[in-house]
């Protein structure tokens, strides 16, 4: 197929030297960026953890392959994945996903999550921002559209005295 494409390109005067000189062309795989730079880019905010807190080797290999716009040999792709995972910016989470083995994250994200959990633990029983029970019951009584479950949630959020509360529920179930 490639040979046919080359002949077609030659027929219209688009020779390989012309193509190589076009601006905006991706660098060939052998001129790829330094693995440390790749690791830092993938560990950044717009990298592997942009939309999820953990990733597996599939996600890493996919990101590396997408970046190698000029193409890359599978063996080199696996080598690059190993180099990226060896970088201190990444952490093995010491657990497996159901689909693809080990899970990884970035050191920065793990540290941030640890800070959030530590902050939660420090504020858990501080008796902070506790509303009087009677005031909460008056507010609930003035909102007849609240379900029993929603009213219980309001009581918990307003009366627990915890500096942080976590509410989990499906979209559209009235958490707000």
N, C-alpha and C. Protein backbone atom coordinates (compact mmCIF):
# COMPACT_ATOMS: atom_id res chain seq x y z
N UNK A 1 0.82 -1.19 0.00
CA UNK A 1 0.00 0.00 0.00
C UNK A 1 0.87 1.25 0.00
N UNK A 2 1.90 1.26 0.82
CA UNK A 2 2.78 2.44 0.89
C UNK A 2 3.46 2.70 -0.44
N UNK A 3 3.86 1.65 -1.12
CA UNK A 3 4.50 1.83 -2.42
C UNK A 3 3.53 2.46 -3.41
N UNK A 4 2.28 2.04 -3.37
CA UNK A 4 1.27 2.63 -4.25
C UNK A 4 1.08 4.11 -3.91
N UNK A 5 1.08 4.44 -2.63
CA UNK A 5 0.94 5.84 -2.23
C UNK A 5 2.13 6.67 -2.73
N UNK A 6 3.33 6.10 -2.61
CA UNK A 6 4.52 6.82 -3.08
C UNK A 6 4.42 7.10 -4.57
N UNK A 7 3.96 6.11 -5.33
CA UNK A 7 3.81 6.31 -6.78
C UNK A 7 2.77 7.39 -7.08
N UNK A 8 1.67 7.35 -6.35
CA UNK A 8 0.64 8.38 -6.55
C UNK A 8 1.18 9.76 -6.21
N UNK A 9 1.93 9.86 -5.12
CA UNK A 9 2.50 11.15 -4.72
C UNK A 9 3.51 11.62 -5.76
N UNK A 10 4.34 10.71 -6.24
CA UNK A 10 5.32 11.08 -7.28
C UNK A 10 4.62 11.58 -8.54
N UNK A 11 3.50 10.94 -8.90
CA UNK A 11 2.75 11.32 -10.10
C UNK A 11 2.25 12.76 -10.04
N UNK A 12 1.99 13.24 -8.82
CA UNK A 12 1.50 14.62 -8.73
C UNK A 12 2.59 15.58 -8.26
N UNK A 13 3.84 15.11 -8.25
CA UNK A 13 4.97 15.98 -7.92
C UNK A 13 5.22 16.14 -6.43
N UNK A 14 4.65 15.27 -5.63
CA UNK A 14 4.83 15.35 -4.18
C UNK A 14 5.87 14.31 -3.78
N UNK A 15 7.14 14.67 -3.96
CA UNK A 15 8.24 13.75 -3.70
C UNK A 15 8.57 13.70 -2.21
N UNK A 16 9.26 12.67 -1.77
CA UNK A 16 9.54 12.48 -0.34
C UNK A 16 10.29 13.66 0.26
N UNK A 17 11.20 14.29 -0.52
CA UNK A 17 11.93 15.45 0.00
C UNK A 17 10.96 16.61 0.25
N UNK A 18 9.98 16.76 -0.63
CA UNK A 18 9.00 17.84 -0.47
C UNK A 18 8.17 17.60 0.78
N UNK A 19 7.72 16.37 0.96
CA UNK A 19 6.92 16.03 2.13
C UNK A 19 7.71 16.27 3.41
N UNK A 20 8.97 15.86 3.44
CA UNK A 20 9.81 16.01 4.62
C UNK A 20 10.02 17.48 4.99
N UNK A 21 9.96 18.37 4.00
CA UNK A 21 10.21 19.79 4.27
C UNK A 21 8.95 20.56 4.66
N UNK A 22 7.78 19.92 4.63
CA UNK A 22 6.54 20.62 4.96
C UNK A 22 6.52 21.02 6.43
N UNK A 23 6.07 22.26 6.74
CA UNK A 23 5.98 22.66 8.14
C UNK A 23 4.87 21.88 8.85
N UNK A 24 5.05 21.69 10.14
CA UNK A 24 4.03 21.01 10.92
C UNK A 24 4.08 19.50 10.86
N UNK A 25 5.09 18.96 10.20
CA UNK A 25 5.21 17.50 10.13
C UNK A 25 5.70 16.97 11.48
N UNK A 26 5.20 15.84 11.88
CA UNK A 26 5.63 15.22 13.14
C UNK A 26 7.05 14.71 12.99
N UNK A 27 7.79 14.79 14.06
CA UNK A 27 9.16 14.27 14.04
C UNK A 27 9.10 12.75 13.93
N UNK A 28 10.01 12.17 13.17
CA UNK A 28 10.05 10.70 13.11
C UNK A 28 10.29 10.12 14.50
N UNK A 29 9.84 8.88 14.69
CA UNK A 29 9.93 8.24 16.01
C UNK A 29 11.36 8.24 16.54
N UNK A 30 12.36 8.09 15.66
CA UNK A 30 13.74 8.04 16.16
C UNK A 30 14.23 9.40 16.65
N UNK A 31 13.48 10.46 16.36
CA UNK A 31 13.83 11.79 16.87
C UNK A 31 12.90 12.19 18.02
N UNK A 32 12.28 11.21 18.65
CA UNK A 32 11.29 11.47 19.70
C UNK A 32 11.93 12.20 20.86
N UNK A 33 11.08 12.82 21.65
CA UNK A 33 11.54 13.59 22.79
C UNK A 33 12.20 12.70 23.83
N UNK A 34 12.96 13.33 24.68
CA UNK A 34 13.65 12.65 25.78
C UNK A 34 12.61 11.98 26.68
N UNK A 35 12.85 10.73 27.12
CA UNK A 35 11.88 10.02 27.96
C UNK A 35 11.52 10.77 29.25
N UNK A 36 12.47 11.53 29.80
CA UNK A 36 12.17 12.29 31.02
C UNK A 36 11.15 13.38 30.73
N UNK A 37 11.29 14.02 29.56
CA UNK A 37 10.32 15.05 29.19
C UNK A 37 8.95 14.42 28.94
N UNK A 38 8.95 13.27 28.28
CA UNK A 38 7.69 12.55 28.03
C UNK A 38 7.02 12.22 29.36
N UNK A 39 7.80 11.72 30.31
CA UNK A 39 7.24 11.37 31.62
C UNK A 39 6.65 12.60 32.30
N UNK A 40 7.36 13.71 32.28
CA UNK A 40 6.86 14.93 32.93
C UNK A 40 5.58 15.42 32.25
N UNK A 41 5.54 15.34 30.91
CA UNK A 41 4.35 15.78 30.17
C UNK A 41 3.16 14.90 30.53
N UNK A 42 3.36 13.58 30.57
CA UNK A 42 2.28 12.66 30.88
C UNK A 42 1.87 12.71 32.35
N UNK A 43 2.77 13.18 33.22
CA UNK A 43 2.45 13.32 34.64
C UNK A 43 1.76 14.64 34.93
N UNK A 44 1.74 15.55 33.97
CA UNK A 44 1.16 16.87 34.18
C UNK A 44 -0.36 16.86 34.21
N UNK A 45 -0.91 18.04 34.45
CA UNK A 45 -2.36 18.19 34.59
C UNK A 45 -3.12 17.75 33.35
N UNK A 46 -2.53 17.91 32.18
CA UNK A 46 -3.21 17.51 30.94
C UNK A 46 -2.73 16.14 30.47
N UNK A 47 -2.12 15.38 31.37
CA UNK A 47 -1.57 14.08 31.01
C UNK A 47 -2.51 12.93 31.31
N UNK A 48 -1.94 11.85 31.79
CA UNK A 48 -2.68 10.60 31.99
C UNK A 48 -3.76 10.69 33.07
N UNK A 49 -3.63 11.60 34.01
CA UNK A 49 -4.62 11.70 35.07
C UNK A 49 -5.52 12.93 34.90
N UNK A 50 -5.61 13.43 33.68
CA UNK A 50 -6.47 14.59 33.44
C UNK A 50 -7.94 14.28 33.73
N UNK A 51 -8.40 13.08 33.38
CA UNK A 51 -9.81 12.73 33.53
C UNK A 51 -10.06 11.60 34.53
N UNK A 52 -9.03 10.96 35.02
CA UNK A 52 -9.17 9.87 35.98
C UNK A 52 -7.94 9.85 36.86
N UNK A 53 -8.09 9.32 38.07
CA UNK A 53 -6.98 9.39 39.02
C UNK A 53 -5.96 8.27 38.86
N UNK A 54 -6.31 7.24 38.12
CA UNK A 54 -5.38 6.12 37.92
C UNK A 54 -5.44 5.67 36.47
N UNK A 55 -4.38 5.00 36.05
CA UNK A 55 -4.32 4.48 34.68
C UNK A 55 -3.57 3.16 34.70
N UNK A 56 -3.72 2.39 33.63
CA UNK A 56 -2.97 1.14 33.51
C UNK A 56 -2.05 1.25 32.29
N UNK A 57 -1.31 0.18 32.03
CA UNK A 57 -0.34 0.20 30.92
C UNK A 57 -1.01 0.49 29.58
N UNK A 58 -2.26 0.02 29.40
CA UNK A 58 -2.97 0.29 28.14
C UNK A 58 -3.08 1.77 27.89
N UNK A 59 -3.48 2.52 28.94
CA UNK A 59 -3.65 3.96 28.80
C UNK A 59 -2.32 4.64 28.49
N UNK A 60 -1.26 4.20 29.16
CA UNK A 60 0.07 4.77 28.93
C UNK A 60 0.53 4.49 27.51
N UNK A 61 0.41 3.25 27.07
CA UNK A 61 0.85 2.89 25.72
C UNK A 61 0.02 3.64 24.67
N UNK A 62 -1.26 3.79 24.91
CA UNK A 62 -2.10 4.54 23.98
C UNK A 62 -1.64 6.00 23.89
N UNK A 63 -1.35 6.62 25.03
CA UNK A 63 -0.90 8.00 25.04
C UNK A 63 0.44 8.14 24.32
N UNK A 64 1.34 7.21 24.54
CA UNK A 64 2.64 7.25 23.86
C UNK A 64 2.48 7.06 22.35
N UNK A 65 1.63 6.14 21.95
CA UNK A 65 1.41 5.88 20.52
C UNK A 65 0.78 7.10 19.85
N UNK A 66 -0.16 7.75 20.53
CA UNK A 66 -0.78 8.94 19.95
C UNK A 66 0.22 10.06 19.79
N UNK A 67 1.16 10.14 20.70
CA UNK A 67 2.17 11.19 20.61
C UNK A 67 3.17 10.91 19.50
N UNK A 68 3.40 9.65 19.19
CA UNK A 68 4.35 9.27 18.14
C UNK A 68 3.65 9.33 16.79
N UNK A 69 3.26 10.53 16.39
CA UNK A 69 2.48 10.71 15.17
C UNK A 69 3.18 10.15 13.93
N UNK A 70 4.49 10.10 13.96
CA UNK A 70 5.22 9.57 12.81
C UNK A 70 5.31 8.06 12.80
N UNK A 71 4.70 7.42 13.80
CA UNK A 71 4.74 5.97 13.90
C UNK A 71 5.84 5.52 14.84
N UNK A 72 5.67 4.34 15.38
CA UNK A 72 6.65 3.80 16.32
C UNK A 72 6.54 2.28 16.30
N UNK A 73 7.66 1.62 16.43
CA UNK A 73 7.69 0.16 16.48
C UNK A 73 7.15 -0.28 17.84
N UNK A 74 6.33 -1.35 17.88
CA UNK A 74 5.75 -1.81 19.16
C UNK A 74 6.79 -2.07 20.25
N UNK A 75 7.93 -2.62 19.89
CA UNK A 75 8.97 -2.89 20.90
C UNK A 75 9.47 -1.59 21.51
N UNK A 76 9.63 -0.56 20.68
CA UNK A 76 10.07 0.74 21.19
C UNK A 76 9.00 1.37 22.07
N UNK A 77 7.75 1.14 21.71
CA UNK A 77 6.64 1.65 22.50
C UNK A 77 6.66 1.05 23.91
N UNK A 78 6.90 -0.25 23.99
CA UNK A 78 6.97 -0.93 25.29
C UNK A 78 8.16 -0.40 26.09
N UNK A 79 9.30 -0.18 25.43
CA UNK A 79 10.48 0.37 26.10
C UNK A 79 10.18 1.75 26.67
N UNK A 80 9.52 2.58 25.88
CA UNK A 80 9.18 3.93 26.34
C UNK A 80 8.22 3.88 27.52
N UNK A 81 7.27 2.96 27.48
CA UNK A 81 6.33 2.82 28.60
C UNK A 81 7.09 2.46 29.87
N UNK A 82 8.04 1.54 29.77
CA UNK A 82 8.86 1.16 30.93
C UNK A 82 9.65 2.35 31.45
N UNK A 83 10.22 3.14 30.54
CA UNK A 83 11.00 4.31 30.95
C UNK A 83 10.12 5.33 31.66
N UNK A 84 8.93 5.53 31.16
CA UNK A 84 8.01 6.48 31.79
C UNK A 84 7.64 5.99 33.19
N UNK A 85 7.29 4.73 33.33
CA UNK A 85 6.88 4.20 34.63
C UNK A 85 8.02 4.18 35.64
N UNK A 86 9.26 4.17 35.15
CA UNK A 86 10.43 4.19 36.04
C UNK A 86 10.70 5.60 36.57
N UNK A 87 10.10 6.59 35.96
CA UNK A 87 10.31 7.97 36.37
C UNK A 87 9.68 8.19 37.75
N UNK A 88 10.34 8.94 38.64
CA UNK A 88 9.79 9.16 39.98
C UNK A 88 8.48 9.95 40.00
N UNK A 89 8.08 10.52 38.88
CA UNK A 89 6.82 11.26 38.83
C UNK A 89 5.62 10.31 38.89
N UNK A 90 5.86 9.00 38.69
CA UNK A 90 4.77 8.03 38.67
C UNK A 90 4.85 7.09 39.86
N UNK A 91 3.69 6.59 40.27
CA UNK A 91 3.59 5.72 41.44
C UNK A 91 2.80 4.47 41.06
N UNK A 92 3.34 3.31 41.43
CA UNK A 92 2.61 2.06 41.31
C UNK A 92 1.65 2.00 42.50
N UNK A 93 0.36 1.92 42.23
CA UNK A 93 -0.63 1.95 43.31
C UNK A 93 -0.76 0.62 44.04
N UNK A 94 0.00 -0.36 43.61
CA UNK A 94 0.04 -1.66 44.28
C UNK A 94 -1.33 -2.33 44.30
N UNK A 95 -2.07 -2.14 43.21
CA UNK A 95 -3.34 -2.86 43.02
C UNK A 95 -3.58 -2.99 41.53
N UNK A 96 -4.45 -3.93 41.20
CA UNK A 96 -4.71 -4.25 39.80
C UNK A 96 -6.10 -3.79 39.39
N UNK A 97 -6.21 -3.45 38.10
CA UNK A 97 -7.53 -3.19 37.54
C UNK A 97 -8.10 -4.52 37.07
N UNK A 98 -9.38 -4.56 36.86
CA UNK A 98 -10.00 -5.81 36.39
C UNK A 98 -9.57 -6.15 34.98
N UNK A 99 -9.37 -5.12 34.15
CA UNK A 99 -9.12 -5.35 32.73
C UNK A 99 -7.64 -5.49 32.37
N UNK A 100 -6.77 -4.70 33.00
CA UNK A 100 -5.43 -4.62 32.43
C UNK A 100 -4.28 -4.61 33.43
N UNK A 101 -4.43 -5.24 34.55
CA UNK A 101 -3.29 -5.37 35.45
C UNK A 101 -3.06 -4.16 36.33
N UNK A 102 -1.79 -3.88 36.61
CA UNK A 102 -1.38 -2.87 37.58
C UNK A 102 -1.97 -1.50 37.27
N UNK A 103 -2.25 -0.78 38.35
CA UNK A 103 -2.71 0.60 38.23
C UNK A 103 -1.62 1.54 38.70
N UNK A 104 -1.53 2.68 38.04
CA UNK A 104 -0.52 3.70 38.34
C UNK A 104 -1.20 5.05 38.46
N UNK A 105 -0.49 5.97 39.08
CA UNK A 105 -0.95 7.35 39.14
C UNK A 105 0.29 8.23 39.19
N UNK A 106 0.07 9.52 39.36
CA UNK A 106 1.21 10.42 39.48
C UNK A 106 1.48 10.68 40.96
N UNK A 107 2.72 10.90 41.28
CA UNK A 107 3.10 11.19 42.67
C UNK A 107 2.36 12.45 43.14
N UNK A 108 2.26 13.44 42.26
CA UNK A 108 1.59 14.70 42.61
C UNK A 108 0.12 14.45 42.99
N UNK A 109 -0.57 13.64 42.21
CA UNK A 109 -1.98 13.37 42.49
C UNK A 109 -2.14 12.55 43.77
N UNK A 110 -1.28 11.57 43.98
CA UNK A 110 -1.35 10.76 45.21
C UNK A 110 -1.09 11.65 46.43
N UNK A 111 -0.11 12.56 46.33
CA UNK A 111 0.16 13.47 47.44
C UNK A 111 -1.02 14.39 47.70
N UNK A 112 -1.65 14.88 46.63
CA UNK A 112 -2.81 15.76 46.77
C UNK A 112 -3.97 15.01 47.43
N UNK A 113 -4.23 13.79 46.99
CA UNK A 113 -5.30 12.99 47.60
C UNK A 113 -5.00 12.72 49.08
N UNK A 114 -3.74 12.48 49.40
CA UNK A 114 -3.37 12.24 50.80
C UNK A 114 -3.64 13.49 51.64
N UNK A 115 -3.34 14.67 51.09
CA UNK A 115 -3.61 15.92 51.80
C UNK A 115 -5.10 16.10 52.05
N UNK A 116 -5.91 15.77 51.06
CA UNK A 116 -7.37 15.90 51.20
C UNK A 116 -7.87 14.95 52.29
N UNK A 117 -7.42 13.71 52.27
CA UNK A 117 -7.86 12.73 53.27
C UNK A 117 -7.38 13.15 54.66
N UNK A 118 -6.13 13.62 54.77
CA UNK A 118 -5.62 14.07 56.07
C UNK A 118 -6.44 15.26 56.58
N UNK A 119 -6.78 16.18 55.68
CA UNK A 119 -7.61 17.32 56.07
C UNK A 119 -8.99 16.88 56.52
N UNK A 120 -9.54 15.90 55.83
CA UNK A 120 -10.83 15.35 56.21
C UNK A 120 -10.75 14.73 57.61
N UNK A 121 -9.72 13.93 57.83
CA UNK A 121 -9.55 13.28 59.14
C UNK A 121 -9.41 14.31 60.26
N UNK A 122 -8.65 15.39 60.01
CA UNK A 122 -8.45 16.42 61.03
C UNK A 122 -9.76 17.14 61.36
N UNK A 123 -10.62 17.29 60.36
CA UNK A 123 -11.85 18.05 60.56
C UNK A 123 -13.05 17.17 60.90
N UNK A 124 -12.87 15.89 60.93
CA UNK A 124 -13.98 14.95 61.06
C UNK A 124 -14.83 15.19 62.31
N UNK A 125 -14.24 15.37 63.45
CA UNK A 125 -15.02 15.49 64.68
C UNK A 125 -14.76 16.82 65.38
N UNK A 126 -14.72 17.89 64.62
CA UNK A 126 -14.38 19.20 65.20
C UNK A 126 -15.60 19.95 65.73
N UNK A 127 -16.80 19.39 65.53
CA UNK A 127 -18.04 20.05 65.94
C UNK A 127 -18.16 21.44 65.30
N UNK A 128 -17.77 21.50 64.04
CA UNK A 128 -17.75 22.75 63.27
C UNK A 128 -19.09 22.98 62.57
N UNK A 129 -19.52 24.22 62.55
CA UNK A 129 -20.70 24.63 61.78
C UNK A 129 -21.91 23.75 62.07
N UNK A 130 -22.16 23.50 63.30
CA UNK A 130 -23.29 22.66 63.69
C UNK A 130 -24.52 23.54 63.89
N UNK A 131 -25.57 23.25 63.13
CA UNK A 131 -26.82 24.02 63.22
C UNK A 131 -27.69 23.46 64.34
N UNK A 132 -28.45 24.33 64.98
CA UNK A 132 -29.38 23.83 66.01
C UNK A 132 -30.44 22.92 65.36
N UNK A 133 -30.75 21.82 66.04
CA UNK A 133 -31.71 20.85 65.51
C UNK A 133 -33.05 21.50 65.16
N UNK A 134 -33.52 22.41 66.02
CA UNK A 134 -34.83 23.03 65.79
C UNK A 134 -34.82 23.86 64.49
N UNK A 135 -33.72 24.57 64.22
CA UNK A 135 -33.64 25.38 63.00
C UNK A 135 -33.66 24.48 61.77
N UNK A 136 -32.97 23.37 61.84
CA UNK A 136 -32.93 22.44 60.70
C UNK A 136 -34.32 21.86 60.47
N UNK A 137 -35.03 21.49 61.54
CA UNK A 137 -36.37 20.92 61.40
C UNK A 137 -37.34 21.95 60.81
N UNK A 138 -37.20 23.22 61.18
CA UNK A 138 -38.05 24.27 60.60
C UNK A 138 -37.80 24.39 59.10
N UNK A 139 -36.55 24.38 58.70
CA UNK A 139 -36.21 24.49 57.27
C UNK A 139 -36.75 23.29 56.50
N UNK A 140 -36.60 22.11 57.05
CA UNK A 140 -37.12 20.89 56.39
C UNK A 140 -38.65 20.98 56.27
N UNK A 141 -39.31 21.44 57.31
CA UNK A 141 -40.78 21.56 57.29
C UNK A 141 -41.24 22.55 56.22
N UNK A 142 -40.42 23.56 55.92
CA UNK A 142 -40.76 24.55 54.89
C UNK A 142 -40.44 24.06 53.48
N UNK A 143 -39.93 22.85 53.37
CA UNK A 143 -39.59 22.28 52.06
C UNK A 143 -40.32 20.95 51.91
N UNK A 144 -41.63 20.97 51.68
CA UNK A 144 -42.41 19.73 51.64
C UNK A 144 -42.06 18.81 50.47
N UNK A 145 -41.32 19.33 49.49
CA UNK A 145 -40.96 18.48 48.33
C UNK A 145 -39.77 17.57 48.62
N UNK A 146 -39.10 17.78 49.74
CA UNK A 146 -37.96 16.91 50.08
C UNK A 146 -38.47 15.51 50.41
N UNK A 147 -37.78 14.52 49.89
CA UNK A 147 -38.11 13.13 50.26
C UNK A 147 -37.56 12.87 51.66
N UNK A 148 -37.96 11.75 52.24
CA UNK A 148 -37.44 11.38 53.57
C UNK A 148 -35.92 11.24 53.52
N UNK A 149 -35.43 10.63 52.45
CA UNK A 149 -33.99 10.44 52.31
C UNK A 149 -33.26 11.79 52.22
N UNK A 150 -33.84 12.74 51.46
CA UNK A 150 -33.23 14.06 51.35
C UNK A 150 -33.26 14.79 52.70
N UNK A 151 -34.37 14.68 53.42
CA UNK A 151 -34.48 15.32 54.73
C UNK A 151 -33.45 14.74 55.70
N UNK A 152 -33.25 13.42 55.66
CA UNK A 152 -32.24 12.79 56.51
C UNK A 152 -30.84 13.30 56.17
N UNK A 153 -30.59 13.48 54.87
CA UNK A 153 -29.30 14.00 54.43
C UNK A 153 -29.08 15.42 54.94
N UNK A 154 -30.10 16.27 54.85
CA UNK A 154 -30.00 17.64 55.35
C UNK A 154 -29.68 17.61 56.85
N UNK A 155 -30.35 16.76 57.60
CA UNK A 155 -30.08 16.64 59.03
C UNK A 155 -28.62 16.25 59.27
N UNK A 156 -28.18 15.26 58.54
CA UNK A 156 -26.80 14.80 58.74
C UNK A 156 -25.80 15.91 58.40
N UNK A 157 -26.01 16.59 57.27
CA UNK A 157 -25.06 17.62 56.86
C UNK A 157 -25.04 18.80 57.83
N UNK A 158 -26.20 19.16 58.34
CA UNK A 158 -26.29 20.35 59.18
C UNK A 158 -26.02 20.10 60.66
N UNK A 159 -26.19 18.87 61.11
CA UNK A 159 -26.14 18.61 62.55
C UNK A 159 -24.98 17.74 63.00
N UNK A 160 -24.23 17.18 62.08
CA UNK A 160 -23.18 16.23 62.48
C UNK A 160 -22.03 16.91 63.20
N UNK A 161 -21.74 18.17 62.83
CA UNK A 161 -20.60 18.86 63.41
C UNK A 161 -19.29 18.49 62.76
N UNK A 162 -19.34 17.64 61.74
CA UNK A 162 -18.12 17.29 61.02
C UNK A 162 -17.73 18.45 60.11
N UNK A 163 -16.47 18.76 60.07
CA UNK A 163 -15.99 19.83 59.20
C UNK A 163 -16.12 19.49 57.74
N UNK A 164 -16.20 18.19 57.44
CA UNK A 164 -16.33 17.73 56.06
C UNK A 164 -17.34 16.59 56.04
N UNK A 165 -18.25 16.63 55.10
CA UNK A 165 -19.20 15.52 54.89
C UNK A 165 -19.13 15.15 53.42
N UNK A 166 -19.32 13.89 53.15
CA UNK A 166 -19.30 13.40 51.79
C UNK A 166 -20.71 12.92 51.43
N UNK A 167 -21.19 13.37 50.28
CA UNK A 167 -22.51 12.96 49.79
C UNK A 167 -22.29 12.23 48.48
N UNK A 168 -22.80 11.02 48.41
CA UNK A 168 -22.67 10.21 47.19
C UNK A 168 -24.07 9.87 46.70
N UNK A 169 -24.29 10.06 45.42
CA UNK A 169 -25.57 9.72 44.84
C UNK A 169 -25.55 9.92 43.34
N UNK A 170 -26.46 9.26 42.68
CA UNK A 170 -26.53 9.38 41.23
C UNK A 170 -26.98 10.78 40.83
N UNK A 171 -26.65 11.15 39.61
CA UNK A 171 -27.07 12.44 39.07
C UNK A 171 -28.60 12.47 39.04
N UNK A 172 -29.15 13.64 39.41
CA UNK A 172 -30.59 13.81 39.33
C UNK A 172 -31.37 13.29 40.52
N UNK A 173 -30.68 12.86 41.58
CA UNK A 173 -31.40 12.31 42.73
C UNK A 173 -31.68 13.36 43.80
N UNK A 174 -31.32 14.62 43.56
CA UNK A 174 -31.67 15.69 44.48
C UNK A 174 -30.64 15.98 45.54
N UNK A 175 -29.38 15.72 45.27
CA UNK A 175 -28.33 16.01 46.25
C UNK A 175 -28.23 17.51 46.51
N UNK A 176 -28.36 18.29 45.49
CA UNK A 176 -28.20 19.74 45.64
C UNK A 176 -29.30 20.32 46.48
